Structure formats: structure tokens, C-alpha cells
Amino acid sequence: MYVVIQLLKSNKIWDLTVKSPDKSESTVFVGTHHNENEFTCENSKNVFPNTIKYWKSGSKINALVSNEEIEISFNLEKTE
């Protein structure tokens, strides 16, 4: 099962859309912070996660999905 993630720029703000195979519509997370090495997006209406953060550490990409109670981190690898 794969989740489709898109980073879209709208009015100088980067938003993240997440589409799960079991859902009919995407969930939009509004960009709240970004620079050349990281970005954070939030959706306070979403139960979990309501914050998604990605950041670059050397050649790796890390992710943290969270709400007020739970944090789950991921180390991502590029696939060809």
C-alpha cells in the first residue's frame, strides 16, 4: 500500500497533499515553515497526523508525523 504525496506551491506557500489508497479524497496540509533543508505542514482538522515535517540530513530525508500525543519518525531512501 503506497501513499501518494505531492508538494504544491500556491500563492508563495507550499502545501502538501496526501492521498491514501483507502480514501476517496486527498488531505491537504498547509505549509507553515520551509527553508532549503526542511519544511513543515499542518492540518489542525486532521486527527493524526496534524503536523508533517520533512528535513534533509546529509544525503538522507527524514520525516516526522505527529499530533499532540504521538510522534512517529521515518528515515526515507530514494528508490530508482
N, C-alpha and C. Protein backbone atom coordinates (compact mmCIF):
# COMPACT_ATOMS: atom_id res chain seq x y z
N MET A 1 0.85 -1.16 0.00
CA MET A 1 0.00 0.00 0.00
C MET A 1 0.90 1.24 0.00
N TYR A 2 0.72 2.10 -0.98
CA TYR A 2 1.51 3.31 -1.10
C TYR A 2 0.65 4.54 -0.88
N VAL A 3 1.21 5.52 -0.25
CA VAL A 3 0.57 6.82 -0.08
C VAL A 3 1.18 7.75 -1.11
N VAL A 4 0.34 8.50 -1.82
CA VAL A 4 0.82 9.45 -2.82
C VAL A 4 0.91 10.82 -2.17
N ILE A 5 2.12 11.40 -2.23
CA ILE A 5 2.37 12.70 -1.61
C ILE A 5 2.77 13.68 -2.69
N GLN A 6 2.16 14.86 -2.68
CA GLN A 6 2.50 15.93 -3.63
C GLN A 6 2.78 17.20 -2.86
N LEU A 7 3.82 17.90 -3.28
CA LEU A 7 4.14 19.21 -2.72
C LEU A 7 3.78 20.23 -3.79
N LEU A 8 2.82 21.10 -3.48
CA LEU A 8 2.29 22.05 -4.46
C LEU A 8 2.44 23.47 -3.94
N LYS A 9 2.86 24.38 -4.83
CA LYS A 9 3.02 25.78 -4.45
C LYS A 9 1.80 26.57 -4.88
N SER A 10 1.22 27.32 -3.92
CA SER A 10 0.05 28.13 -4.19
C SER A 10 0.22 29.46 -3.46
N ASN A 11 0.27 30.56 -4.21
CA ASN A 11 0.44 31.89 -3.62
C ASN A 11 1.64 31.98 -2.68
N LYS A 12 2.77 31.49 -3.14
CA LYS A 12 4.05 31.52 -2.41
C LYS A 12 4.09 30.63 -1.18
N ILE A 13 3.08 29.80 -0.99
CA ILE A 13 3.04 28.86 0.13
C ILE A 13 3.06 27.44 -0.43
N TRP A 14 3.91 26.60 0.15
CA TRP A 14 3.97 25.20 -0.25
C TRP A 14 3.00 24.39 0.59
N ASP A 15 2.10 23.67 -0.06
CA ASP A 15 1.16 22.79 0.61
C ASP A 15 1.49 21.34 0.26
N LEU A 16 1.17 20.45 1.17
CA LEU A 16 1.41 19.04 0.98
C LEU A 16 0.06 18.35 0.88
N THR A 17 -0.15 17.58 -0.19
CA THR A 17 -1.38 16.78 -0.29
C THR A 17 -1.00 15.31 -0.14
N VAL A 18 -1.82 14.60 0.62
CA VAL A 18 -1.57 13.20 0.91
C VAL A 18 -2.81 12.42 0.50
N LYS A 19 -2.60 11.40 -0.34
CA LYS A 19 -3.72 10.57 -0.82
C LYS A 19 -3.45 9.12 -0.45
N SER A 20 -4.28 8.58 0.42
CA SER A 20 -4.19 7.17 0.80
C SER A 20 -5.05 6.35 -0.14
N PRO A 21 -4.65 5.13 -0.45
CA PRO A 21 -5.43 4.30 -1.37
C PRO A 21 -6.84 3.99 -0.85
N ASP A 22 -7.02 4.00 0.47
CA ASP A 22 -8.32 3.67 1.04
C ASP A 22 -9.24 4.88 1.21
N LYS A 23 -8.78 6.06 0.79
CA LYS A 23 -9.58 7.29 0.90
C LYS A 23 -9.93 7.80 -0.50
N SER A 24 -11.10 8.40 -0.63
CA SER A 24 -11.52 8.91 -1.94
C SER A 24 -10.93 10.28 -2.25
N GLU A 25 -10.55 11.04 -1.22
CA GLU A 25 -10.02 12.38 -1.44
C GLU A 25 -8.68 12.56 -0.72
N SER A 26 -7.90 13.51 -1.21
CA SER A 26 -6.61 13.84 -0.59
C SER A 26 -6.83 14.70 0.64
N THR A 27 -5.88 14.64 1.56
CA THR A 27 -5.85 15.53 2.71
C THR A 27 -4.79 16.58 2.45
N VAL A 28 -5.13 17.84 2.68
CA VAL A 28 -4.20 18.95 2.43
C VAL A 28 -3.62 19.44 3.75
N PHE A 29 -2.29 19.56 3.77
CA PHE A 29 -1.57 20.12 4.90
C PHE A 29 -0.95 21.42 4.43
N VAL A 30 -1.25 22.51 5.10
CA VAL A 30 -0.80 23.84 4.70
C VAL A 30 0.62 24.07 5.19
N GLY A 31 1.47 24.58 4.30
CA GLY A 31 2.85 24.86 4.67
C GLY A 31 2.94 25.96 5.70
N THR A 32 3.66 25.70 6.79
CA THR A 32 3.83 26.70 7.85
C THR A 32 5.27 27.17 7.98
N HIS A 33 6.21 26.39 7.48
CA HIS A 33 7.63 26.75 7.56
C HIS A 33 8.38 26.00 6.48
N HIS A 34 9.33 26.68 5.82
CA HIS A 34 10.23 25.98 4.92
C HIS A 34 11.51 26.79 4.71
N ASN A 35 12.58 26.05 4.44
CA ASN A 35 13.84 26.63 4.01
C ASN A 35 14.49 25.61 3.09
N GLU A 36 15.74 25.77 2.76
CA GLU A 36 16.35 24.88 1.77
C GLU A 36 16.56 23.46 2.27
N ASN A 37 16.48 23.23 3.58
CA ASN A 37 16.72 21.89 4.13
C ASN A 37 15.53 21.24 4.83
N GLU A 38 14.44 21.97 5.01
CA GLU A 38 13.31 21.38 5.72
C GLU A 38 12.01 22.11 5.40
N PHE A 39 10.90 21.41 5.65
CA PHE A 39 9.59 22.06 5.57
C PHE A 39 8.62 21.39 6.53
N THR A 40 7.67 22.18 7.01
CA THR A 40 6.65 21.70 7.94
C THR A 40 5.28 22.12 7.41
N CYS A 41 4.32 21.19 7.47
CA CYS A 41 2.96 21.45 7.03
C CYS A 41 2.00 20.98 8.14
N GLU A 42 0.85 21.67 8.23
CA GLU A 42 -0.10 21.34 9.30
C GLU A 42 -1.54 21.30 8.78
N ASN A 43 -2.34 20.47 9.44
CA ASN A 43 -3.77 20.41 9.21
C ASN A 43 -4.41 20.12 10.57
N SER A 44 -4.87 21.16 11.25
CA SER A 44 -5.39 21.01 12.61
C SER A 44 -6.69 20.21 12.66
N LYS A 45 -7.38 20.06 11.53
CA LYS A 45 -8.64 19.31 11.49
C LYS A 45 -8.40 17.80 11.39
N ASN A 46 -7.21 17.42 10.96
CA ASN A 46 -6.88 16.01 10.83
C ASN A 46 -6.53 15.44 12.21
N VAL A 47 -7.05 14.27 12.54
CA VAL A 47 -6.81 13.67 13.85
C VAL A 47 -5.34 13.23 13.98
N PHE A 48 -4.88 12.45 13.04
CA PHE A 48 -3.48 12.03 13.01
C PHE A 48 -3.08 11.76 11.59
N PRO A 49 -1.96 12.28 11.18
CA PRO A 49 -1.19 13.31 11.86
C PRO A 49 -1.79 14.68 11.60
N ASN A 50 -1.47 15.64 12.42
CA ASN A 50 -1.87 17.00 12.08
C ASN A 50 -0.66 17.89 11.78
N THR A 51 0.54 17.35 11.99
CA THR A 51 1.77 18.02 11.57
C THR A 51 2.67 17.02 10.86
N ILE A 52 3.23 17.44 9.73
CA ILE A 52 4.18 16.63 8.98
C ILE A 52 5.41 17.48 8.74
N LYS A 53 6.56 16.96 9.13
CA LYS A 53 7.82 17.68 8.93
C LYS A 53 8.78 16.78 8.16
N TYR A 54 9.43 17.34 7.13
CA TYR A 54 10.48 16.67 6.38
C TYR A 54 11.74 17.50 6.51
N TRP A 55 12.89 16.84 6.64
CA TRP A 55 14.16 17.57 6.64
C TRP A 55 15.26 16.69 6.07
N LYS A 56 16.25 17.36 5.55
CA LYS A 56 17.39 16.71 4.91
C LYS A 56 18.54 16.64 5.91
N SER A 57 19.15 15.48 6.00
CA SER A 57 20.31 15.27 6.86
C SER A 57 21.36 14.56 6.03
N GLY A 58 22.32 15.32 5.51
CA GLY A 58 23.28 14.74 4.59
C GLY A 58 22.57 14.35 3.31
N SER A 59 22.69 13.09 2.91
CA SER A 59 22.02 12.61 1.70
C SER A 59 20.69 11.93 2.00
N LYS A 60 20.28 11.91 3.25
CA LYS A 60 19.03 11.25 3.64
C LYS A 60 17.92 12.26 3.89
N ILE A 61 16.69 11.79 3.74
CA ILE A 61 15.50 12.58 4.05
C ILE A 61 14.83 11.94 5.26
N ASN A 62 14.48 12.77 6.22
CA ASN A 62 13.79 12.31 7.42
C ASN A 62 12.39 12.90 7.45
N ALA A 63 11.49 12.21 8.10
CA ALA A 63 10.12 12.70 8.23
C ALA A 63 9.65 12.46 9.66
N LEU A 64 8.80 13.36 10.12
CA LEU A 64 8.17 13.21 11.42
C LEU A 64 6.70 13.55 11.26
N VAL A 65 5.84 12.60 11.59
CA VAL A 65 4.40 12.84 11.58
C VAL A 65 3.95 12.82 13.03
N SER A 66 3.07 13.80 13.38
CA SER A 66 2.74 13.90 14.80
C SER A 66 1.40 14.58 15.02
N ASN A 67 0.92 14.43 16.25
CA ASN A 67 -0.16 15.24 16.79
C ASN A 67 0.27 15.58 18.22
N GLU A 68 -0.61 16.04 19.06
CA GLU A 68 -0.23 16.43 20.42
C GLU A 68 0.19 15.24 21.29
N GLU A 69 -0.20 14.02 20.89
CA GLU A 69 0.06 12.85 21.72
C GLU A 69 1.09 11.88 21.17
N ILE A 70 1.25 11.84 19.85
CA ILE A 70 2.08 10.81 19.22
C ILE A 70 3.04 11.44 18.22
N GLU A 71 4.27 10.90 18.17
CA GLU A 71 5.24 11.26 17.14
C GLU A 71 5.80 9.98 16.53
N ILE A 72 5.82 9.92 15.21
CA ILE A 72 6.41 8.78 14.51
C ILE A 72 7.42 9.34 13.52
N SER A 73 8.66 8.84 13.59
CA SER A 73 9.69 9.33 12.68
C SER A 73 10.01 8.27 11.63
N PHE A 74 10.48 8.75 10.47
CA PHE A 74 10.82 7.89 9.35
C PHE A 74 12.15 8.34 8.78
N ASN A 75 12.96 7.39 8.33
CA ASN A 75 14.15 7.66 7.54
C ASN A 75 13.85 7.18 6.13
N LEU A 76 13.87 8.08 5.17
CA LEU A 76 13.46 7.74 3.81
C LEU A 76 14.67 7.56 2.92
N GLU A 77 14.52 6.64 1.96
CA GLU A 77 15.58 6.40 0.98
C GLU A 77 15.02 6.58 -0.41
N LYS A 78 15.85 7.13 -1.29
CA LYS A 78 15.46 7.30 -2.68
C LYS A 78 15.51 5.95 -3.38
N THR A 79 14.46 5.67 -4.16
CA THR A 79 14.43 4.45 -4.95
C THR A 79 14.41 4.81 -6.42
N GLU A 80 14.97 3.99 -7.22
CA GLU A 80 15.04 4.24 -8.67
C GLU A 80 13.87 3.59 -9.37
